[in-house]
PDB file of N, CA and C in Angstrom:
ATOM      1  N   UNK A   1      14.155  -5.078   8.589  1.00  0.00           N
ATOM      2  CA  UNK A   1      14.574  -4.664   7.313  1.00  0.00           C
ATOM      3  C   UNK A   1      13.460  -3.782   6.573  1.00  0.00           C
ATOM      4  N   UNK A   2      13.866  -2.794   6.179  1.00  0.00           N
ATOM      5  CA  UNK A   2      12.807  -1.941   5.387  1.00  0.00           C
ATOM      6  C   UNK A   2      12.911  -2.024   3.858  1.00  0.00           C
ATOM      7  N   UNK A   3      11.792  -2.094   3.248  1.00  0.00           N
ATOM      8  CA  UNK A   3      11.468  -2.243   1.911  1.00  0.00           C
ATOM      9  C   UNK A   3      10.723  -1.037   1.309  1.00  0.00           C
ATOM     10  N   UNK A   4      11.159  -0.423   0.267  1.00  0.00           N
ATOM     11  CA  UNK A   4      10.364   0.798  -0.242  1.00  0.00           C
ATOM     12  C   UNK A   4      10.167   0.638  -1.781  1.00  0.00           C
ATOM     13  N   UNK A   5       9.085   0.853  -2.259  1.00  0.00           N
ATOM     14  CA  UNK A   5       8.729   0.719  -3.675  1.00  0.00           C
ATOM     15  C   UNK A   5       7.987   2.025  -4.033  1.00  0.00           C
ATOM     16  N   UNK A   6       8.750   2.776  -4.969  1.00  0.00           N
ATOM     17  CA  UNK A   6       8.016   3.894  -5.595  1.00  0.00           C
ATOM     18  C   UNK A   6       7.107   3.505  -6.539  1.00  0.00           C
ATOM     19  N   UNK A   7       6.099   4.303  -6.864  1.00  0.00           N
ATOM     20  CA  UNK A   7       5.014   4.018  -7.841  1.00  0.00           C
ATOM     21  C   UNK A   7       4.526   5.301  -8.465  1.00  0.00           C
ATOM     22  N   UNK A   8       4.194   5.254  -9.806  1.00  0.00           N
ATOM     23  CA  UNK A   8       3.765   6.323 -10.570  1.00  0.00           C
ATOM     24  C   UNK A   8       2.223   6.100 -11.183  1.00  0.00           C
ATOM     25  N   UNK A   9       1.736   5.086 -10.944  1.00  0.00           N
ATOM     26  CA  UNK A   9       0.319   4.875 -11.467  1.00  0.00           C
ATOM     27  C   UNK A   9      -0.324   3.846 -10.632  1.00  0.00           C
ATOM     28  N   UNK A  10      -1.669   3.750 -10.662  1.00  0.00           N
ATOM     29  CA  UNK A  10      -2.497   2.660  -9.929  1.00  0.00           C
ATOM     30  C   UNK A  10      -3.720   2.362 -10.662  1.00  0.00           C
ATOM     31  N   UNK A  11      -4.239   1.128 -10.283  1.00  0.00           N
ATOM     32  CA  UNK A  11      -5.608   0.748 -10.739  1.00  0.00           C
ATOM     33  C   UNK A  11      -6.391   0.588  -9.360  1.00  0.00           C
ATOM     34  N   UNK A  12      -7.755   0.918  -9.614  1.00  0.00           N
ATOM     35  CA  UNK A  12      -8.583   0.849  -8.237  1.00  0.00           C
ATOM     36  C   UNK A  12      -9.931  -0.163  -8.638  1.00  0.00           C
ATOM     37  N   UNK A  13     -10.004  -0.892  -7.643  1.00  0.00           N
ATOM     38  CA  UNK A  13     -11.227  -1.840  -7.538  1.00  0.00           C
ATOM     39  C   UNK A  13     -11.941  -1.709  -6.422  1.00  0.00           C
ATOM     40  N   UNK A  14     -13.290  -1.576  -6.484  1.00  0.00           N
ATOM     41  CA  UNK A  14     -14.258  -1.511  -5.304  1.00  0.00           C
ATOM     42  C   UNK A  14     -15.204  -2.598  -5.542  1.00  0.00           C
ATOM     43  N   UNK A  15     -15.329  -3.461  -4.552  1.00  0.00           N
ATOM     44  CA  UNK A  15     -16.159  -4.650  -4.744  1.00  0.00           C
ATOM     45  C   UNK A  15     -17.455  -4.473  -4.022  1.00  0.00           C
ATOM     46  N   UNK A  16     -18.482  -5.378  -4.405  1.00  0.00           N
ATOM     47  CA  UNK A  16     -19.767  -5.168  -3.802  1.00  0.00           C
ATOM     48  C   UNK A  16     -19.759  -6.123  -2.496  1.00  0.00           C
ATOM     49  N   UNK A  17     -20.687  -5.939  -1.656  1.00  0.00           N
ATOM     50  CA  UNK A  17     -20.682  -6.713  -0.403  1.00  0.00           C
ATOM     51  C   UNK A  17     -19.994  -6.048   0.697  1.00  0.00           C
ATOM     52  N   UNK A  18     -20.129  -6.577   1.902  1.00  0.00           N
ATOM     53  CA  UNK A  18     -19.753  -5.887   3.083  1.00  0.00           C
ATOM     54  C   UNK A  18     -18.690  -6.747   3.843  1.00  0.00           C
ATOM     55  N   UNK A  19     -18.188  -7.859   3.212  1.00  0.00           N
ATOM     56  CA  UNK A  19     -17.295  -8.837   3.938  1.00  0.00           C
ATOM     57  C   UNK A  19     -16.132  -9.010   3.038  1.00  0.00           C
ATOM     58  N   UNK A  20     -14.993  -9.390   3.562  1.00  0.00           N
ATOM     59  CA  UNK A  20     -13.735  -9.667   2.940  1.00  0.00           C
ATOM     60  C   UNK A  20     -13.229  -8.418   2.496  1.00  0.00           C
ATOM     61  N   UNK A  21     -12.344  -8.558   1.386  1.00  0.00           N
ATOM     62  CA  UNK A  21     -11.789  -7.241   0.809  1.00  0.00           C
ATOM     63  C   UNK A  21     -12.821  -6.470   0.006  1.00  0.00           C
ATOM     64  N   UNK A  22     -12.934  -5.182   0.386  1.00  0.00           N
ATOM     65  CA  UNK A  22     -14.033  -4.575  -0.382  1.00  0.00           C
ATOM     66  C   UNK A  22     -13.534  -3.406  -1.356  1.00  0.00           C
ATOM     67  N   UNK A  23     -12.275  -3.219  -1.218  1.00  0.00           N
ATOM     68  CA  UNK A  23     -11.616  -2.167  -2.304  1.00  0.00           C
ATOM     69  C   UNK A  23     -10.101  -2.717  -2.350  1.00  0.00           C
ATOM     70  N   UNK A  24      -9.465  -2.415  -3.449  1.00  0.00           N
ATOM     71  CA  UNK A  24      -8.230  -2.844  -3.680  1.00  0.00           C
ATOM     72  C   UNK A  24      -7.543  -1.660  -4.620  1.00  0.00           C
ATOM     73  N   UNK A  25      -6.296  -1.254  -4.364  1.00  0.00           N
ATOM     74  CA  UNK A  25      -5.483  -0.381  -4.993  1.00  0.00           C
ATOM     75  C   UNK A  25      -4.242  -1.069  -5.482  1.00  0.00           C
ATOM     76  N   UNK A  26      -3.899  -1.182  -6.748  1.00  0.00           N
ATOM     77  CA  UNK A  26      -2.814  -1.956  -7.368  1.00  0.00           C
ATOM     78  C   UNK A  26      -2.040  -0.825  -7.842  1.00  0.00           C
ATOM     79  N   UNK A  27      -0.630  -0.878  -7.396  1.00  0.00           N
ATOM     80  CA  UNK A  27       0.390   0.149  -7.525  1.00  0.00           C
ATOM     81  C   UNK A  27       1.528  -0.261  -8.614  1.00  0.00           C
ATOM     82  N   UNK A  28       1.824   0.646  -9.533  1.00  0.00           N
ATOM     83  CA  UNK A  28       2.711   0.171 -10.599  1.00  0.00           C
ATOM     84  C   UNK A  28       3.797   1.308 -10.685  1.00  0.00           C
ATOM     85  N   UNK A  29       5.024   0.808 -11.026  1.00  0.00           N
ATOM     86  CA  UNK A  29       6.064   1.824 -11.420  1.00  0.00           C
ATOM     87  C   UNK A  29       6.376   1.518 -12.886  1.00  0.00           C
ATOM     88  N   UNK A  30       6.024   2.365 -13.756  1.00  0.00           N
ATOM     89  CA  UNK A  30       5.888   2.018 -15.230  1.00  0.00           C
ATOM     90  C   UNK A  30       4.824   1.013 -15.486  1.00  0.00           C
ATOM     91  N   UNK A  31       5.378  -0.178 -16.082  1.00  0.00           N
ATOM     92  CA  UNK A  31       4.464  -1.356 -16.301  1.00  0.00           C
ATOM     93  C   UNK A  31       4.685  -2.394 -15.328  1.00  0.00           C
ATOM     94  N   UNK A  32       5.528  -2.255 -14.377  1.00  0.00           N
ATOM     95  CA  UNK A  32       5.798  -3.226 -13.267  1.00  0.00           C
ATOM     96  C   UNK A  32       4.939  -3.001 -11.962  1.00  0.00           C
ATOM     97  N   UNK A  33       4.298  -4.064 -11.640  1.00  0.00           N
ATOM     98  CA  UNK A  33       3.420  -4.142 -10.405  1.00  0.00           C
ATOM     99  C   UNK A  33       4.406  -4.162  -9.271  1.00  0.00           C
ATOM    100  N   UNK A  34       4.319  -3.219  -8.318  1.00  0.00           N
ATOM    101  CA  UNK A  34       5.101  -3.102  -7.081  1.00  0.00           C
ATOM    102  C   UNK A  34       4.402  -3.399  -5.865  1.00  0.00           C
ATOM    103  N   UNK A  35       2.992  -3.456  -5.798  1.00  0.00           N
ATOM    104  CA  UNK A  35       2.335  -3.627  -4.440  1.00  0.00           C
ATOM    105  C   UNK A  35       0.950  -3.416  -4.582  1.00  0.00           C
ATOM    106  N   UNK A  36       0.325  -3.416  -3.430  1.00  0.00           N
ATOM    107  CA  UNK A  36      -1.158  -3.060  -3.470  1.00  0.00           C
ATOM    108  C   UNK A  36      -1.658  -2.689  -1.952  1.00  0.00           C
ATOM    109  N   UNK A  37      -2.692  -2.151  -2.045  1.00  0.00           N
ATOM    110  CA  UNK A  37      -3.463  -1.638  -0.607  1.00  0.00           C
ATOM    111  C   UNK A  37      -4.710  -2.301  -0.681  1.00  0.00           C
ATOM    112  N   UNK A  38      -5.038  -3.205   0.417  1.00  0.00           N
ATOM    113  CA  UNK A  38      -6.150  -3.949   0.522  1.00  0.00           C
ATOM    114  C   UNK A  38      -7.021  -3.244   1.528  1.00  0.00           C
ATOM    115  N   UNK A  39      -8.315  -3.037   1.262  1.00  0.00           N
ATOM    116  CA  UNK A  39      -9.302  -2.459   2.191  1.00  0.00           C
ATOM    117  C   UNK A  39     -10.144  -3.433   2.587  1.00  0.00           C
ATOM    118  N   UNK A  40     -10.377  -3.582   3.935  1.00  0.00           N
ATOM    119  CA  UNK A  40     -11.284  -4.605   4.499  1.00  0.00           C
ATOM    120  C   UNK A  40     -12.663  -3.653   5.134  1.00  0.00           C
ATOM    121  N   UNK A  41     -13.658  -4.300   5.249  1.00  0.00           N
ATOM    122  CA  UNK A  41     -14.826  -3.747   5.712  1.00  0.00           C
ATOM    123  C   UNK A  41     -14.496  -3.201   7.140  1.00  0.00           C
ATOM    124  N   UNK A  42     -14.985  -2.050   7.569  1.00  0.00           N
ATOM    125  CA  UNK A  42     -14.686  -1.541   8.673  1.00  0.00           C
ATOM    126  C   UNK A  42     -15.139  -2.482   9.806  1.00  0.00           C
ATOM    127  N   UNK A  43     -14.498  -2.677  11.146  1.00  0.00           N
ATOM    128  CA  UNK A  43     -14.828  -3.577  12.006  1.00  0.00           C
ATOM    129  C   UNK A  43     -14.088  -4.905  11.813  1.00  0.00           C
ATOM    130  N   UNK A  44     -13.645  -5.099  10.599  1.00  0.00           N
ATOM    131  CA  UNK A  44     -13.027  -6.395  10.435  1.00  0.00           C
ATOM    132  C   UNK A  44     -11.605  -6.410  10.975  1.00  0.00           C
ATOM    133  N   UNK A  45     -11.184  -7.593  11.574  1.00  0.00           N
ATOM    134  CA  UNK A  45      -9.768  -7.484  12.091  1.00  0.00           C
ATOM    135  C   UNK A  45      -8.721  -7.678  10.912  1.00  0.00           C
ATOM    136  N   UNK A  46      -7.806  -6.750  10.978  1.00  0.00           N
ATOM    137  CA  UNK A  46      -7.015  -6.703   9.740  1.00  0.00           C
ATOM    138  C   UNK A  46      -5.771  -7.461  10.025  1.00  0.00           C
ATOM    139  N   UNK A  47      -5.317  -8.147   9.022  1.00  0.00           N
ATOM    140  CA  UNK A  47      -4.095  -8.854   9.180  1.00  0.00           C
ATOM    141  C   UNK A  47      -2.881  -7.990   8.883  1.00  0.00           C
ATOM    142  N   UNK A  48      -1.650  -8.330   9.198  1.00  0.00           N
ATOM    143  CA  UNK A  48      -0.526  -7.606   9.220  1.00  0.00           C
ATOM    144  C   UNK A  48      -0.234  -7.221   7.710  1.00  0.00           C
ATOM    145  N   UNK A  49       0.493  -6.135   7.526  1.00  0.00           N
ATOM    146  CA  UNK A  49       1.121  -5.799   6.165  1.00  0.00           C
ATOM    147  C   UNK A  49       2.059  -6.781   5.937  1.00  0.00           C
ATOM    148  N   UNK A  50       2.426  -7.061   4.677  1.00  0.00           N
ATOM    149  CA  UNK A  50       3.396  -8.151   4.534  1.00  0.00           C
ATOM    150  C   UNK A  50       4.131  -7.819   3.055  1.00  0.00           C
ATOM    151  N   UNK A  51       5.323  -8.538   3.009  1.00  0.00           N
ATOM    152  CA  UNK A  51       5.793  -8.718   1.677  1.00  0.00           C
ATOM    153  C   UNK A  51       5.330  -9.897   1.116  1.00  0.00           C
ATOM    154  N   UNK A  52       5.264  -9.741  -0.201  1.00  0.00           N
ATOM    155  CA  UNK A  52       4.551 -10.865  -1.027  1.00  0.00           C
ATOM    156  C   UNK A  52       5.695 -11.356  -2.067  1.00  0.00           C
ATOM    157  N   UNK A  53       5.872 -12.634  -2.177  1.00  0.00           N
ATOM    158  CA  UNK A  53       6.817 -13.081  -3.254  1.00  0.00           C
ATOM    159  C   UNK A  53       5.990 -14.051  -4.165  1.00  0.00           C
ATOM    160  N   UNK A  54       5.330 -13.531  -5.155  1.00  0.00           N
ATOM    161  CA  UNK A  54       4.367 -14.366  -6.063  1.00  0.00           C
ATOM    162  C   UNK A  54       5.399 -15.062  -7.046  1.00  0.00           C
ATOM    163  N   UNK A  55       5.268 -16.268  -7.032  1.00  0.00           N
ATOM    164  CA  UNK A  55       5.928 -17.149  -8.158  1.00  0.00           C
ATOM    165  C   UNK A  55       7.544 -17.185  -8.250  1.00  0.00           C
ATOM    166  N   UNK A  56       8.043 -16.271  -7.674  1.00  0.00           N
ATOM    167  CA  UNK A  56       9.540 -16.051  -7.638  1.00  0.00           C
ATOM    168  C   UNK A  56      10.100 -15.262  -6.357  1.00  0.00           C
ATOM    169  N   UNK A  57      11.222 -16.070  -5.704  1.00  0.00           N
ATOM    170  CA  UNK A  57      11.700 -15.375  -4.525  1.00  0.00           C
ATOM    171  C   UNK A  57      12.458 -14.104  -4.882  1.00  0.00           C
ATOM    172  N   UNK A  58      12.835 -13.801  -6.143  1.00  0.00           N
ATOM    173  CA  UNK A  58      13.461 -12.645  -6.583  1.00  0.00           C
ATOM    174  C   UNK A  58      12.574 -11.366  -6.701  1.00  0.00           C
ATOM    175  N   UNK A  59      11.110 -11.632  -6.703  1.00  0.00           N
ATOM    176  CA  UNK A  59      10.084 -10.493  -6.981  1.00  0.00           C
ATOM    177  C   UNK A  59       9.608 -10.262  -5.546  1.00  0.00           C
ATOM    178  N   UNK A  60       9.661  -9.002  -5.220  1.00  0.00           N
ATOM    179  CA  UNK A  60       9.092  -8.669  -3.898  1.00  0.00           C
ATOM    180  C   UNK A  60       8.087  -7.458  -3.962  1.00  0.00           C
ATOM    181  N   UNK A  61       6.912  -7.850  -3.502  1.00  0.00           N
ATOM    182  CA  UNK A  61       5.873  -6.781  -3.535  1.00  0.00           C
ATOM    183  C   UNK A  61       5.436  -6.463  -2.213  1.00  0.00           C
ATOM    184  N   UNK A  62       4.892  -5.119  -1.992  1.00  0.00           N
ATOM    185  CA  UNK A  62       4.363  -4.764  -0.737  1.00  0.00           C
ATOM    186  C   UNK A  62       2.887  -4.860  -0.717  1.00  0.00           C
ATOM    187  N   UNK A  63       2.214  -5.386   0.446  1.00  0.00           N
ATOM    188  CA  UNK A  63       0.730  -5.415   0.599  1.00  0.00           C
ATOM    189  C   UNK A  63       0.408  -4.730   1.878  1.00  0.00           C
ATOM    190  N   UNK A  64      -0.311  -3.758   1.857  1.00  0.00           N
ATOM    191  CA  UNK A  64      -0.734  -2.959   2.977  1.00  0.00           C
ATOM    192  C   UNK A  64      -2.167  -3.421   3.313  1.00  0.00           C
ATOM    193  N   UNK A  65      -2.412  -3.527   4.529  1.00  0.00           N
ATOM    194  CA  UNK A  65      -4.060  -3.628   4.963  1.00  0.00           C
ATOM    195  C   UNK A  65      -4.494  -2.468   5.543  1.00  0.00           C
ATOM    196  N   UNK A  66      -5.756  -1.990   5.224  1.00  0.00           N
ATOM    197  CA  UNK A  66      -6.405  -0.888   5.816  1.00  0.00           C
ATOM    198  C   UNK A  66      -7.922  -1.100   5.831  1.00  0.00           C
ATOM    199  N   UNK A  67      -8.556  -0.391   6.766  1.00  0.00           N
ATOM    200  CA  UNK A  67      -9.840  -0.425   6.871  1.00  0.00           C
ATOM    201  C   UNK A  67     -10.543   0.438   5.752  1.00  0.00           C
ATOM    202  N   UNK A  68     -11.792   0.205   5.563  1.00  0.00           N
ATOM    203  CA  UNK A  68     -12.435   0.953   4.322  1.00  0.00           C
ATOM    204  C   UNK A  68     -12.656   2.257   4.849  1.00  0.00           C
ATOM    205  N   UNK A  69     -12.533   2.726   6.042  1.00  0.00           N
ATOM    206  CA  UNK A  69     -12.808   4.143   6.449  1.00  0.00           C
ATOM    207  C   UNK A  69     -11.506   4.962   6.100  1.00  0.00           C
ATOM    208  N   UNK A  70     -10.457   4.401   5.793  1.00  0.00           N
ATOM    209  CA  UNK A  70      -9.150   5.290   5.170  1.00  0.00           C
ATOM    210  C   UNK A  70      -9.188   5.278   3.679  1.00  0.00           C
ATOM    211  N   UNK A  71     -10.124   4.673   3.101  1.00  0.00           N
ATOM    212  CA  UNK A  71     -10.196   4.731   1.396  1.00  0.00           C
ATOM    213  C   UNK A  71     -10.259   6.117   0.924  1.00  0.00           C
ATOM    214  N   UNK A  72     -11.079   7.038   1.428  1.00  0.00           N
ATOM    215  CA  UNK A  72     -10.930   8.524   0.992  1.00  0.00           C
ATOM    216  C   UNK A  72      -9.693   9.108   0.975  1.00  0.00           C
ATOM    217  N   UNK A  73      -9.186   8.980   2.167  1.00  0.00           N
ATOM    218  CA  UNK A  73      -7.768   9.687   2.403  1.00  0.00           C
ATOM    219  C   UNK A  73      -6.806   9.092   1.498  1.00  0.00           C
ATOM    220  N   UNK A  74      -6.728   7.781   1.352  1.00  0.00           N
ATOM    221  CA  UNK A  74      -5.838   7.266   0.322  1.00  0.00           C
ATOM    222  C   UNK A  74      -6.013   7.602  -1.049  1.00  0.00           C
ATOM    223  N   UNK A  75      -7.305   7.650  -1.439  1.00  0.00           N
ATOM    224  CA  UNK A  75      -7.518   8.066  -2.908  1.00  0.00           C
ATOM    225  C   UNK A  75      -7.202   9.506  -3.053  1.00  0.00           C
ATOM    226  N   UNK A  76      -7.572  10.194  -1.978  1.00  0.00           N
ATOM    227  CA  UNK A  76      -7.127  11.807  -2.246  1.00  0.00           C
ATOM    228  C   UNK A  76      -5.501  11.946  -2.209  1.00  0.00           C
ATOM    229  N   UNK A  77      -4.837  11.263  -1.626  1.00  0.00           N
ATOM    230  CA  UNK A  77      -3.370  11.152  -1.545  1.00  0.00           C
ATOM    231  C   UNK A  77      -2.941  10.761  -2.873  1.00  0.00           C
ATOM    232  N   UNK A  78      -3.378   9.740  -3.356  1.00  0.00           N
ATOM    233  CA  UNK A  78      -2.995   9.302  -4.738  1.00  0.00           C
ATOM    234  C   UNK A  78      -3.510  10.406  -5.857  1.00  0.00           C
ATOM    235  N   UNK A  79      -4.429  11.016  -5.797  1.00  0.00           N
ATOM    236  CA  UNK A  79      -4.803  12.202  -6.666  1.00  0.00           C
ATOM    237  C   UNK A  79      -4.012  13.351  -6.686  1.00  0.00           C
ATOM    238  N   UNK A  80      -3.609  13.821  -5.380  1.00  0.00           N
ATOM    239  CA  UNK A  80      -3.115  15.008  -5.173  1.00  0.00           C
ATOM    240  C   UNK A  80      -1.539  15.131  -4.893  1.00  0.00           C
ATOM    241  N   UNK A  81      -0.958  13.952  -4.739  1.00  0.00           N
ATOM    242  CA  UNK A  81       0.445  14.088  -4.261  1.00  0.00           C
ATOM    243  C   UNK A  81       1.297  13.132  -5.258  1.00  0.00           C
ATOM    244  N   UNK A  82       2.636  13.610  -5.347  1.00  0.00           N
ATOM    245  CA  UNK A  82       3.562  12.786  -6.127  1.00  0.00           C
ATOM    246  C   UNK A  82       4.906  13.300  -5.794  1.00  0.00           C
ATOM    247  N   UNK A  83       6.062  12.529  -5.759  1.00  0.00           N
ATOM    248  CA  UNK A  83       5.939  11.121  -5.919  1.00  0.00           C
ATOM    249  C   UNK A  83       5.457  10.383  -4.682  1.00  0.00           C
ATOM    250  N   UNK A  84       5.030   9.156  -5.020  1.00  0.00           N
ATOM    251  CA  UNK A  84       4.465   8.252  -3.951  1.00  0.00           C
ATOM    252  C   UNK A  84       5.225   6.987  -3.825  1.00  0.00           C
ATOM    253  N   UNK A  85       5.151   6.293  -2.505  1.00  0.00           N
ATOM    254  CA  UNK A  85       5.824   5.111  -2.274  1.00  0.00           C
ATOM    255  C   UNK A  85       4.946   4.159  -1.369  1.00  0.00           C
ATOM    256  N   UNK A  86       5.366   3.027  -1.571  1.00  0.00           N
ATOM    257  CA  UNK A  86       4.816   1.957  -0.314  1.00  0.00           C
ATOM    258  C   UNK A  86       5.994   1.674   0.292  1.00  0.00           C
ATOM    259  N   UNK A  87       5.900   1.599   1.651  1.00  0.00           N
ATOM    260  CA  UNK A  87       7.111   1.249   2.491  1.00  0.00           C
ATOM    261  C   UNK A  87       6.516   0.365   3.734  1.00  0.00           C
ATOM    262  N   UNK A  88       7.583  -0.780   3.907  1.00  0.00           N
ATOM    263  CA  UNK A  88       7.177  -1.699   4.952  1.00  0.00           C
ATOM    264  C   UNK A  88       8.612  -1.985   5.667  1.00  0.00           C
ATOM    265  N   UNK A  89       8.391  -2.116   7.028  1.00  0.00           N
ATOM    266  CA  UNK A  89       9.477  -2.535   7.915  1.00  0.00           C
ATOM    267  C   UNK A  89       8.987  -4.081   8.321  1.00  0.00           C
ATOM    268  N   UNK A  90       9.977  -5.027   8.117  1.00  0.00           N
ATOM    269  CA  UNK A  90       9.851  -6.352   8.477  1.00  0.00           C
ATOM    270  C   UNK A  90      10.885  -6.747   9.441  1.00  0.00           C
ATOM    271  N   UNK A  91      10.397  -7.386  10.633  1.00  0.00           N
ATOM    272  CA  UNK A  91      11.483  -7.881  11.628  1.00  0.00           C
ATOM    273  C   UNK A  91      11.818  -9.283  11.319  1.00  0.00           C
ATOM    274  N   UNK A  92      12.924  -9.526  10.443  1.00  0.00           N
ATOM    275  CA  UNK A  92      13.467 -10.925  10.226  1.00  0.00           C
ATOM    276  C   UNK A  92      13.956 -11.608  11.441  1.00  0.00           C
ATOM    277  N   UNK A  93      14.294 -10.798  12.529  1.00  0.00           N
ATOM    278  CA  UNK A  93      14.735 -11.514  13.692  1.00  0.00           C
ATOM    279  C   UNK A  93      13.832 -12.478  14.481  1.00  0.00           C
ATOM    280  N   UNK A  94      12.592 -12.340  14.083  1.00  0.00           N
ATOM    281  CA  UNK A  94      11.615 -13.270  14.599  1.00  0.00           C
ATOM    282  C   UNK A  94      11.495 -14.437  13.826  1.00  0.00           C
ATOM    283  N   UNK A  95      12.290 -14.642  12.819  1.00  0.00           N
ATOM    284  CA  UNK A  95      12.060 -15.899  12.089  1.00  0.00           C
ATOM    285  C   UNK A  95      11.938 -15.521  10.602  1.00  0.00           C
ATOM    286  N   UNK A  96      11.405 -16.368   9.743  1.00  0.00           N
ATOM    287  CA  UNK A  96      11.285 -16.157   8.398  1.00  0.00           C
ATOM    288  C   UNK A  96       9.964 -15.270   8.053  1.00  0.00           C
ATOM    289  N   UNK A  97       9.328 -14.559   8.737  1.00  0.00           N
ATOM    290  CA  UNK A  97       8.081 -13.890   8.736  1.00  0.00           C
ATOM    291  C   UNK A  97       8.392 -12.796   7.573  1.00  0.00           C
ATOM    292  N   UNK A  98       7.365 -12.426   6.945  1.00  0.00           N
ATOM    293  CA  UNK A  98       7.466 -11.455   6.033  1.00  0.00           C
ATOM    294  C   UNK A  98       6.342 -10.392   6.536  1.00  0.00           C
ATOM    295  N   UNK A  99       5.710 -10.566   7.684  1.00  0.00           N
ATOM    296  CA  UNK A  99       4.772  -9.592   8.149  1.00  0.00           C
ATOM    297  C   UNK A  99       5.504  -8.383   8.746  1.00  0.00           C
ATOM    298  N   UNK A 100       4.857  -7.304   8.725  1.00  0.00           N
ATOM    299  CA  UNK A 100       5.508  -6.073   9.240  1.00  0.00           C
ATOM    300  C   UNK A 100       4.508  -4.889   9.439  1.00  0.00           C
ATOM    301  N   UNK A 101       5.008  -3.783   9.414  1.00  0.00           N
ATOM    302  CA  UNK A 101       4.276  -2.437   9.538  1.00  0.00           C
ATOM    303  C   UNK A 101       4.753  -1.700   8.359  1.00  0.00           C
ATOM    304  N   UNK A 102       3.633  -1.217   7.725  1.00  0.00           N
ATOM    305  CA  UNK A 102       3.859  -0.439   6.503  1.00  0.00           C
ATOM    306  C   UNK A 102       3.114   0.701   6.294  1.00  0.00           C
ATOM    307  N   UNK A 103       3.309   1.525   5.315  1.00  0.00           N
ATOM    308  CA  UNK A 103       2.463   2.866   4.982  1.00  0.00           C
ATOM    309  C   UNK A 103       2.658   3.276   3.564  1.00  0.00           C
ATOM    310  N   UNK A 104       1.715   4.182   3.103  1.00  0.00           N
ATOM    311  CA  UNK A 104       1.788   4.749   1.895  1.00  0.00           C
ATOM    312  C   UNK A 104       2.118   6.202   2.191  1.00  0.00           C
ATOM    313  N   UNK A 105       3.095   6.673   1.479  1.00  0.00           N
ATOM    314  CA  UNK A 105       3.549   8.042   1.740  1.00  0.00           C
ATOM    315  C   UNK A 105       4.170   8.901   0.568  1.00  0.00           C
ATOM    316  N   UNK A 106       4.429  10.037   0.637  1.00  0.00           N
ATOM    317  CA  UNK A 106       5.054  10.855  -0.241  1.00  0.00           C
ATOM    318  C   UNK A 106       6.464  10.445  -0.351  1.00  0.00           C
ATOM    319  N   UNK A 107       7.099  10.627  -1.555  1.00  0.00           N
ATOM    320  CA  UNK A 107       8.430  10.164  -1.628  1.00  0.00           C
ATOM    321  C   UNK A 107       9.496  11.153  -1.503  1.00  0.00           C
ATOM    322  N   UNK A 108       9.027  12.454  -1.174  1.00  0.00           N
ATOM    323  CA  UNK A 108       9.997  13.604  -0.784  1.00  0.00           C
ATOM    324  C   UNK A 108       9.271  14.434   0.264  1.00  0.00           C
ATOM    325  N   UNK A 109      10.230  15.353   0.787  1.00  0.00           N
ATOM    326  CA  UNK A 109       9.811  16.208   1.760  1.00  0.00           C
ATOM    327  C   UNK A 109       8.888  17.151   1.083  1.00  0.00           C
ATOM    328  N   UNK A 110       7.736  17.402   1.587  1.00  0.00           N
ATOM    329  CA  UNK A 110       6.862  18.395   1.167  1.00  0.00           C
ATOM    330  C   UNK A 110       6.916  19.939   1.623  1.00  0.00           C
ATOM    331  N   UNK A 111       6.943  20.807   0.766  1.00  0.00           N
ATOM    332  CA  UNK A 111       6.993  22.216   1.342  1.00  0.00           C
ATOM    333  C   UNK A 111       5.990  22.582   2.345  1.00  0.00           C
ATOM    334  N   UNK A 112       6.196  23.423   3.167  1.00  0.00           N
ATOM    335  CA  UNK A 112       5.036  23.926   3.990  1.00  0.00           C
ATOM    336  C   UNK A 112       4.289  24.781   3.315  1.00  0.00           C
ATOM    337  N   UNK A 113       2.997  24.837   3.381  1.00  0.00           N
ATOM    338  CA  UNK A 113       2.105  25.867   2.716  1.00  0.00           C
ATOM    339  C   UNK A 113       1.999  25.620   1.283  1.00  0.00           C
ATOM    340  N   UNK A 114       2.353  24.435   0.753  1.00  0.00           N
ATOM    341  CA  UNK A 114       2.103  24.132  -0.602  1.00  0.00           C
ATOM    342  C   UNK A 114       0.695  24.413  -1.128  1.00  0.00           C
ATOM    343  N   UNK A 115       0.752  25.081  -2.236  1.00  0.00           N
ATOM    344  CA  UNK A 115      -0.501  25.463  -2.783  1.00  0.00           C
ATOM    345  C   UNK A 115      -1.192  24.310  -3.619  1.00  0.00           C
ATOM    346  N   UNK A 116      -2.438  24.129  -3.623  1.00  0.00           N
ATOM    347  CA  UNK A 116      -3.151  23.301  -4.561  1.00  0.00           C
ATOM    348  C   UNK A 116      -3.277  23.999  -5.755  1.00  0.00           C
ATOM    349  N   UNK A 117      -2.942  23.316  -6.861  1.00  0.00           N
ATOM    350  CA  UNK A 117      -3.104  24.166  -8.288  1.00  0.00           C
ATOM    351  C   UNK A 117      -4.057  23.481  -9.156  1.00  0.00           C
TER     352      UNK A 117
END
């Protein structure tokens, strides 16, 4: 089952140290929190992307896991592209899992040869 969350703003946090989550991007649609991208130190085994239901089964958030080596690419995408979305595919046939494979992407088809302005 696929879940997509559009977002139009973000907060960024970069932590000290070299273990655990070393950076975090929180994604919002208006004032509503829709998901986050967690960055782990390079070389750290990443857990699966997942759907998160904090405090209420009716609230569904997307959490993506990425190595710190992708941080610059993600930040450049956030600064240069719009609209943006978080997307995840979860295989519920395997039980009650919320783990899946997700991505951060553009929300529309981009024109070929788009000029940076």
